[in-house]
PDB file of all heavy atoms in Angstrom:
ATOM      1  N   SER A   1      12.086   9.605  14.618  1.00  0.00           N
ATOM      2  CA  SER A   1      11.022  10.239  13.833  1.00  0.00           C
ATOM      3  C   SER A   1      11.188   9.953  12.346  1.00  0.00           C
ATOM      4  O   SER A   1      10.195   9.747  11.626  1.00  0.00           O
ATOM      5  CB  SER A   1      11.006  11.748  14.083  1.00  0.00           C
ATOM      6  OG  SER A   1      12.246  12.336  13.725  1.00  0.00           O
ATOM      7  N   GLN A   2      12.432   9.911  11.869  1.00  0.00           N
ATOM      8  CA  GLN A   2      12.650   9.563  10.465  1.00  0.00           C
ATOM      9  C   GLN A   2      12.153   8.154  10.176  1.00  0.00           C
ATOM     10  O   GLN A   2      11.496   7.907   9.150  1.00  0.00           O
ATOM     11  CB  GLN A   2      14.137   9.657  10.118  1.00  0.00           C
ATOM     12  CG  GLN A   2      14.641  11.051   9.883  1.00  0.00           C
ATOM     13  CD  GLN A   2      16.016  11.046   9.247  1.00  0.00           C
ATOM     14  OE1 GLN A   2      16.180  10.702   8.077  1.00  0.00           O
ATOM     15  NE2 GLN A   2      17.018  11.412  10.037  1.00  0.00           N
ATOM     16  N   ARG A   3      12.473   7.222  11.054  1.00  0.00           N
ATOM     17  CA  ARG A   3      12.013   5.852  10.854  1.00  0.00           C
ATOM     18  C   ARG A   3      10.488   5.801  10.813  1.00  0.00           C
ATOM     19  O   ARG A   3       9.898   5.104   9.969  1.00  0.00           O
ATOM     20  CB  ARG A   3      12.530   4.949  11.975  1.00  0.00           C
ATOM     21  CG  ARG A   3      12.029   3.512  11.858  1.00  0.00           C
ATOM     22  CD  ARG A   3      12.371   2.681  13.083  1.00  0.00           C
ATOM     23  NE  ARG A   3      11.867   1.324  12.946  1.00  0.00           N
ATOM     24  CZ  ARG A   3      10.644   0.953  13.272  1.00  0.00           C
ATOM     25  NH1 ARG A   3       9.785   1.851  13.752  1.00  0.00           N
ATOM     26  NH2 ARG A   3      10.259  -0.306  13.116  1.00  0.00           N
ATOM     27  N   THR A   4       9.829   6.550  11.701  1.00  0.00           N
ATOM     28  CA  THR A   4       8.365   6.559  11.734  1.00  0.00           C
ATOM     29  C   THR A   4       7.793   7.061  10.414  1.00  0.00           C
ATOM     30  O   THR A   4       6.855   6.475   9.864  1.00  0.00           O
ATOM     31  CB  THR A   4       7.868   7.439  12.893  1.00  0.00           C
ATOM     32  OG1 THR A   4       8.354   6.908  14.137  1.00  0.00           O
ATOM     33  CG2 THR A   4       6.345   7.483  12.930  1.00  0.00           C
ATOM     34  N   VAL A   5       8.363   8.127   9.886  1.00  0.00           N
ATOM     35  CA  VAL A   5       7.875   8.683   8.616  1.00  0.00           C
ATOM     36  C   VAL A   5       8.125   7.715   7.464  1.00  0.00           C
ATOM     37  O   VAL A   5       7.257   7.509   6.607  1.00  0.00           O
ATOM     38  CB  VAL A   5       8.534  10.044   8.335  1.00  0.00           C
ATOM     39  CG1 VAL A   5       8.133  10.554   6.945  1.00  0.00           C
ATOM     40  CG2 VAL A   5       8.156  11.052   9.404  1.00  0.00           C
ATOM     41  N   ILE A   6       9.307   7.097   7.443  1.00  0.00           N
ATOM     42  CA  ILE A   6       9.636   6.155   6.368  1.00  0.00           C
ATOM     43  C   ILE A   6       8.677   4.970   6.373  1.00  0.00           C
ATOM     44  O   ILE A   6       8.115   4.596   5.335  1.00  0.00           O
ATOM     45  CB  ILE A   6      11.088   5.666   6.498  1.00  0.00           C
ATOM     46  CG1 ILE A   6      12.071   6.814   6.251  1.00  0.00           C
ATOM     47  CG2 ILE A   6      11.359   4.526   5.520  1.00  0.00           C
ATOM     48  CD1 ILE A   6      13.503   6.492   6.640  1.00  0.00           C
ATOM     49  N   VAL A   7       8.478   4.363   7.536  1.00  0.00           N
ATOM     50  CA  VAL A   7       7.576   3.204   7.632  1.00  0.00           C
ATOM     51  C   VAL A   7       6.155   3.621   7.285  1.00  0.00           C
ATOM     52  O   VAL A   7       5.430   2.887   6.581  1.00  0.00           O
ATOM     53  CB  VAL A   7       7.648   2.577   9.033  1.00  0.00           C
ATOM     54  CG1 VAL A   7       6.606   1.464   9.174  1.00  0.00           C
ATOM     55  CG2 VAL A   7       9.042   2.018   9.298  1.00  0.00           C
ATOM     56  N   SER A   8       5.731   4.788   7.754  1.00  0.00           N
ATOM     57  CA  SER A   8       4.375   5.260   7.453  1.00  0.00           C
ATOM     58  C   SER A   8       4.179   5.423   5.951  1.00  0.00           C
ATOM     59  O   SER A   8       3.151   5.012   5.393  1.00  0.00           O
ATOM     60  CB  SER A   8       4.110   6.593   8.156  1.00  0.00           C
ATOM     61  OG  SER A   8       4.150   6.449   9.553  1.00  0.00           O
ATOM     62  N   LEU A   9       5.163   6.028   5.278  1.00  0.00           N
ATOM     63  CA  LEU A   9       5.070   6.223   3.833  1.00  0.00           C
ATOM     64  C   LEU A   9       5.046   4.882   3.108  1.00  0.00           C
ATOM     65  O   LEU A   9       4.280   4.683   2.145  1.00  0.00           O
ATOM     66  CB  LEU A   9       6.242   7.074   3.350  1.00  0.00           C
ATOM     67  CG  LEU A   9       6.247   7.501   1.875  1.00  0.00           C
ATOM     68  CD1 LEU A   9       4.957   8.223   1.515  1.00  0.00           C
ATOM     69  CD2 LEU A   9       7.449   8.385   1.583  1.00  0.00           C
ATOM     70  N   PHE A  10       5.871   3.954   3.573  1.00  0.00           N
ATOM     71  CA  PHE A  10       5.922   2.620   2.979  1.00  0.00           C
ATOM     72  C   PHE A  10       4.564   1.930   3.085  1.00  0.00           C
ATOM     73  O   PHE A  10       4.052   1.363   2.106  1.00  0.00           O
ATOM     74  CB  PHE A  10       6.986   1.801   3.712  1.00  0.00           C
ATOM     75  CG  PHE A  10       7.783   0.887   2.830  1.00  0.00           C
ATOM     76  CD1 PHE A  10       9.058   1.240   2.404  1.00  0.00           C
ATOM     77  CD2 PHE A  10       7.284  -0.339   2.447  1.00  0.00           C
ATOM     78  CE1 PHE A  10       9.796   0.390   1.600  1.00  0.00           C
ATOM     79  CE2 PHE A  10       8.011  -1.199   1.646  1.00  0.00           C
ATOM     80  CZ  PHE A  10       9.272  -0.832   1.222  1.00  0.00           C
ATOM     81  N   LEU A  11       3.958   1.969   4.279  1.00  0.00           N
ATOM     82  CA  LEU A  11       2.688   1.282   4.504  1.00  0.00           C
ATOM     83  C   LEU A  11       1.532   1.999   3.812  1.00  0.00           C
ATOM     84  O   LEU A  11       0.598   1.351   3.322  1.00  0.00           O
ATOM     85  CB  LEU A  11       2.416   1.170   6.003  1.00  0.00           C
ATOM     86  CG  LEU A  11       3.373   0.258   6.773  1.00  0.00           C
ATOM     87  CD1 LEU A  11       3.066   0.299   8.258  1.00  0.00           C
ATOM     88  CD2 LEU A  11       3.301  -1.171   6.258  1.00  0.00           C
ATOM     89  N   PHE A  12       1.583   3.326   3.766  1.00  0.00           N
ATOM     90  CA  PHE A  12       0.541   4.070   3.066  1.00  0.00           C
ATOM     91  C   PHE A  12       0.554   3.722   1.581  1.00  0.00           C
ATOM     92  O   PHE A  12      -0.504   3.520   0.971  1.00  0.00           O
ATOM     93  CB  PHE A  12       0.750   5.563   3.272  1.00  0.00           C
ATOM     94  CG  PHE A  12      -0.399   6.411   2.801  1.00  0.00           C
ATOM     95  CD1 PHE A  12      -1.545   6.544   3.575  1.00  0.00           C
ATOM     96  CD2 PHE A  12      -0.333   7.085   1.589  1.00  0.00           C
ATOM     97  CE1 PHE A  12      -2.605   7.331   3.137  1.00  0.00           C
ATOM     98  CE2 PHE A  12      -1.389   7.867   1.146  1.00  0.00           C
ATOM     99  CZ  PHE A  12      -2.530   7.995   1.922  1.00  0.00           C
ATOM    100  N   CYS A  13       1.756   3.633   1.005  1.00  0.00           N
ATOM    101  CA  CYS A  13       1.873   3.232  -0.403  1.00  0.00           C
ATOM    102  C   CYS A  13       1.366   1.811  -0.615  1.00  0.00           C
ATOM    103  O   CYS A  13       0.745   1.508  -1.642  1.00  0.00           O
ATOM    104  CB  CYS A  13       3.323   3.347  -0.862  1.00  0.00           C
ATOM    105  SG  CYS A  13       3.897   5.037  -1.106  1.00  0.00           S
ATOM    106  N   ALA A  14       1.638   0.933   0.346  1.00  0.00           N
ATOM    107  CA  ALA A  14       1.121  -0.440   0.241  1.00  0.00           C
ATOM    108  C   ALA A  14      -0.405  -0.436   0.235  1.00  0.00           C
ATOM    109  O   ALA A  14      -1.039  -1.192  -0.507  1.00  0.00           O
ATOM    110  CB  ALA A  14       1.651  -1.286   1.394  1.00  0.00           C
ATOM    111  N   GLY A  15      -1.001   0.436   1.061  1.00  0.00           N
ATOM    112  CA  GLY A  15      -2.453   0.555   1.061  1.00  0.00           C
ATOM    113  C   GLY A  15      -2.977   1.095  -0.257  1.00  0.00           C
ATOM    114  O   GLY A  15      -3.990   0.609  -0.788  1.00  0.00           O
ATOM    115  N   LEU A  16      -2.305   2.100  -0.813  1.00  0.00           N
ATOM    116  CA  LEU A  16      -2.682   2.602  -2.145  1.00  0.00           C
ATOM    117  C   LEU A  16      -2.620   1.467  -3.164  1.00  0.00           C
ATOM    118  O   LEU A  16      -3.488   1.353  -4.041  1.00  0.00           O
ATOM    119  CB  LEU A  16      -1.754   3.740  -2.563  1.00  0.00           C
ATOM    120  CG  LEU A  16      -1.846   5.065  -1.800  1.00  0.00           C
ATOM    121  CD1 LEU A  16      -0.730   6.007  -2.245  1.00  0.00           C
ATOM    122  CD2 LEU A  16      -3.201   5.725  -2.009  1.00  0.00           C
ATOM    123  N   GLY A  17      -1.587   0.630  -3.041  1.00  0.00           N
ATOM    124  CA  GLY A  17      -1.450  -0.500  -3.965  1.00  0.00           C
ATOM    125  C   GLY A  17      -2.583  -1.488  -3.841  1.00  0.00           C
ATOM    126  O   GLY A  17      -3.033  -2.066  -4.841  1.00  0.00           O
ATOM    127  N   VAL A  18      -3.067  -1.703  -2.618  1.00  0.00           N
ATOM    128  CA  VAL A  18      -4.219  -2.596  -2.420  1.00  0.00           C
ATOM    129  C   VAL A  18      -5.444  -2.041  -3.138  1.00  0.00           C
ATOM    130  O   VAL A  18      -6.194  -2.783  -3.790  1.00  0.00           O
ATOM    131  CB  VAL A  18      -4.513  -2.785  -0.915  1.00  0.00           C
ATOM    132  CG1 VAL A  18      -5.848  -3.503  -0.701  1.00  0.00           C
ATOM    133  CG2 VAL A  18      -3.383  -3.560  -0.245  1.00  0.00           C
ATOM    134  N   ALA A  19      -5.647  -0.728  -3.029  1.00  0.00           N
ATOM    135  CA  ALA A  19      -6.784  -0.103  -3.708  1.00  0.00           C
ATOM    136  C   ALA A  19      -6.674  -0.241  -5.219  1.00  0.00           C
ATOM    137  O   ALA A  19      -7.665  -0.532  -5.907  1.00  0.00           O
ATOM    138  CB  ALA A  19      -6.875   1.376  -3.313  1.00  0.00           C
ATOM    139  N   VAL A  20      -5.474  -0.046  -5.754  1.00  0.00           N
ATOM    140  CA  VAL A  20      -5.266  -0.194  -7.196  1.00  0.00           C
ATOM    141  C   VAL A  20      -5.521  -1.633  -7.631  1.00  0.00           C
ATOM    142  O   VAL A  20      -6.187  -1.889  -8.646  1.00  0.00           O
ATOM    143  CB  VAL A  20      -3.841   0.249  -7.578  1.00  0.00           C
ATOM    144  CG1 VAL A  20      -3.511  -0.153  -9.007  1.00  0.00           C
ATOM    145  CG2 VAL A  20      -3.692   1.756  -7.408  1.00  0.00           C
ATOM    146  N   ALA A  21      -4.984  -2.585  -6.866  1.00  0.00           N
ATOM    147  CA  ALA A  21      -5.182  -3.999  -7.210  1.00  0.00           C
ATOM    148  C   ALA A  21      -6.660  -4.356  -7.190  1.00  0.00           C
ATOM    149  O   ALA A  21      -7.146  -5.091  -8.061  1.00  0.00           O
ATOM    150  CB  ALA A  21      -4.407  -4.874  -6.229  1.00  0.00           C
ATOM    151  N   GLN A  22      -7.392  -3.825  -6.216  1.00  0.00           N
ATOM    152  CA  GLN A  22      -8.834  -4.069  -6.155  1.00  0.00           C
ATOM    153  C   GLN A  22      -9.521  -3.509  -7.393  1.00  0.00           C
ATOM    154  O   GLN A  22     -10.386  -4.169  -7.994  1.00  0.00           O
ATOM    155  CB  GLN A  22      -9.410  -3.431  -4.893  1.00  0.00           C
ATOM    156  CG  GLN A  22     -10.926  -3.593  -4.758  1.00  0.00           C
ATOM    157  CD  GLN A  22     -11.512  -2.622  -3.744  1.00  0.00           C
ATOM    158  OE1 GLN A  22     -11.140  -1.446  -3.711  1.00  0.00           O
ATOM    159  NE2 GLN A  22     -12.421  -3.113  -2.921  1.00  0.00           N
ATOM    160  N   ALA A  23      -9.133  -2.288  -7.781  1.00  0.00           N
ATOM    161  CA  ALA A  23      -9.747  -1.664  -8.956  1.00  0.00           C
ATOM    162  C   ALA A  23      -9.429  -2.433 -10.231  1.00  0.00           C
ATOM    163  O   ALA A  23     -10.223  -2.436 -11.184  1.00  0.00           O
ATOM    164  CB  ALA A  23      -9.265  -0.220  -9.082  1.00  0.00           C
ATOM    165  N   GLN A  24      -8.276  -3.088 -10.266  1.00  0.00           N
ATOM    166  CA  GLN A  24      -7.867  -3.867 -11.437  1.00  0.00           C
ATOM    167  C   GLN A  24      -8.453  -5.276 -11.430  1.00  0.00           C
ATOM    168  O   GLN A  24      -8.187  -6.045 -12.341  1.00  0.00           O
ATOM    169  CB  GLN A  24      -6.344  -3.939 -11.501  1.00  0.00           C
ATOM    170  CG  GLN A  24      -5.683  -2.602 -11.802  1.00  0.00           C
ATOM    171  CD  GLN A  24      -4.177  -2.674 -11.788  1.00  0.00           C
ATOM    172  OE1 GLN A  24      -3.585  -3.430 -11.024  1.00  0.00           O
ATOM    173  NE2 GLN A  24      -3.533  -1.876 -12.631  1.00  0.00           N
ATOM    174  N   GLY A  25      -9.219  -5.590 -10.391  1.00  0.00           N
ATOM    175  CA  GLY A  25      -9.846  -6.906 -10.328  1.00  0.00           C
ATOM    176  C   GLY A  25      -8.878  -8.028 -10.013  1.00  0.00           C
ATOM    177  O   GLY A  25      -9.033  -9.151 -10.503  1.00  0.00           O
ATOM    178  N   GLN A  26      -7.875  -7.751  -9.211  1.00  0.00           N
ATOM    179  CA  GLN A  26      -6.870  -8.766  -8.861  1.00  0.00           C
ATOM    180  C   GLN A  26      -7.540  -9.985  -8.235  1.00  0.00           C
ATOM    181  O   GLN A  26      -8.315  -9.867  -7.287  1.00  0.00           O
ATOM    182  CB  GLN A  26      -5.859  -8.174  -7.881  1.00  0.00           C
ATOM    183  CG  GLN A  26      -4.739  -9.134  -7.488  1.00  0.00           C
ATOM    184  CD  GLN A  26      -3.916  -8.598  -6.327  1.00  0.00           C
ATOM    185  OE1 GLN A  26      -4.452  -8.310  -5.262  1.00  0.00           O
ATOM    186  NE2 GLN A  26      -2.624  -8.440  -6.538  1.00  0.00           N
ATOM    187  N   SER A  27      -7.227 -11.164  -8.739  1.00  0.00           N
ATOM    188  CA  SER A  27      -7.790 -12.398  -8.199  1.00  0.00           C
ATOM    189  C   SER A  27      -7.067 -12.783  -6.918  1.00  0.00           C
ATOM    190  O   SER A  27      -5.950 -12.339  -6.645  1.00  0.00           O
ATOM    191  CB  SER A  27      -7.655 -13.531  -9.218  1.00  0.00           C
ATOM    192  OG  SER A  27      -6.279 -13.859  -9.412  1.00  0.00           O
ATOM    193  N   TRP A  28      -7.718 -13.659  -6.138  1.00  0.00           N
ATOM    194  CA  TRP A  28      -7.062 -14.136  -4.917  1.00  0.00           C
ATOM    195  C   TRP A  28      -5.820 -14.941  -5.260  1.00  0.00           C
ATOM    196  O   TRP A  28      -4.829 -14.890  -4.531  1.00  0.00           O
ATOM    197  CB  TRP A  28      -8.036 -14.971  -4.091  1.00  0.00           C
ATOM    198  CG  TRP A  28      -8.873 -14.139  -3.158  1.00  0.00           C
ATOM    199  CD1 TRP A  28     -10.174 -13.784  -3.314  1.00  0.00           C
ATOM    200  CD2 TRP A  28      -8.439 -13.542  -1.930  1.00  0.00           C
ATOM    201  NE1 TRP A  28     -10.594 -13.004  -2.271  1.00  0.00           N
ATOM    202  CE2 TRP A  28      -9.545 -12.851  -1.386  1.00  0.00           C
ATOM    203  CE3 TRP A  28      -7.237 -13.529  -1.225  1.00  0.00           C
ATOM    204  CZ2 TRP A  28      -9.486 -12.148  -0.178  1.00  0.00           C
ATOM    205  CZ3 TRP A  28      -7.174 -12.840  -0.021  1.00  0.00           C
ATOM    206  CH2 TRP A  28      -8.279 -12.160   0.487  1.00  0.00           C
ATOM    207  N   ALA A  29      -5.850 -15.663  -6.358  1.00  0.00           N
ATOM    208  CA  ALA A  29      -4.675 -16.457  -6.741  1.00  0.00           C
ATOM    209  C   ALA A  29      -3.471 -15.545  -7.001  1.00  0.00           C
ATOM    210  O   ALA A  29      -2.356 -15.823  -6.548  1.00  0.00           O
ATOM    211  CB  ALA A  29      -4.976 -17.288  -7.989  1.00  0.00           C
TER     212      ALA A  29
END
């Protein structure tokens, strides 16, 4: 269960980062 929570938090943060990058106009390059 600890591993599940850790991975979930890691991936959720990665998703938040995608949203931030989109808002910042990150280019494909």
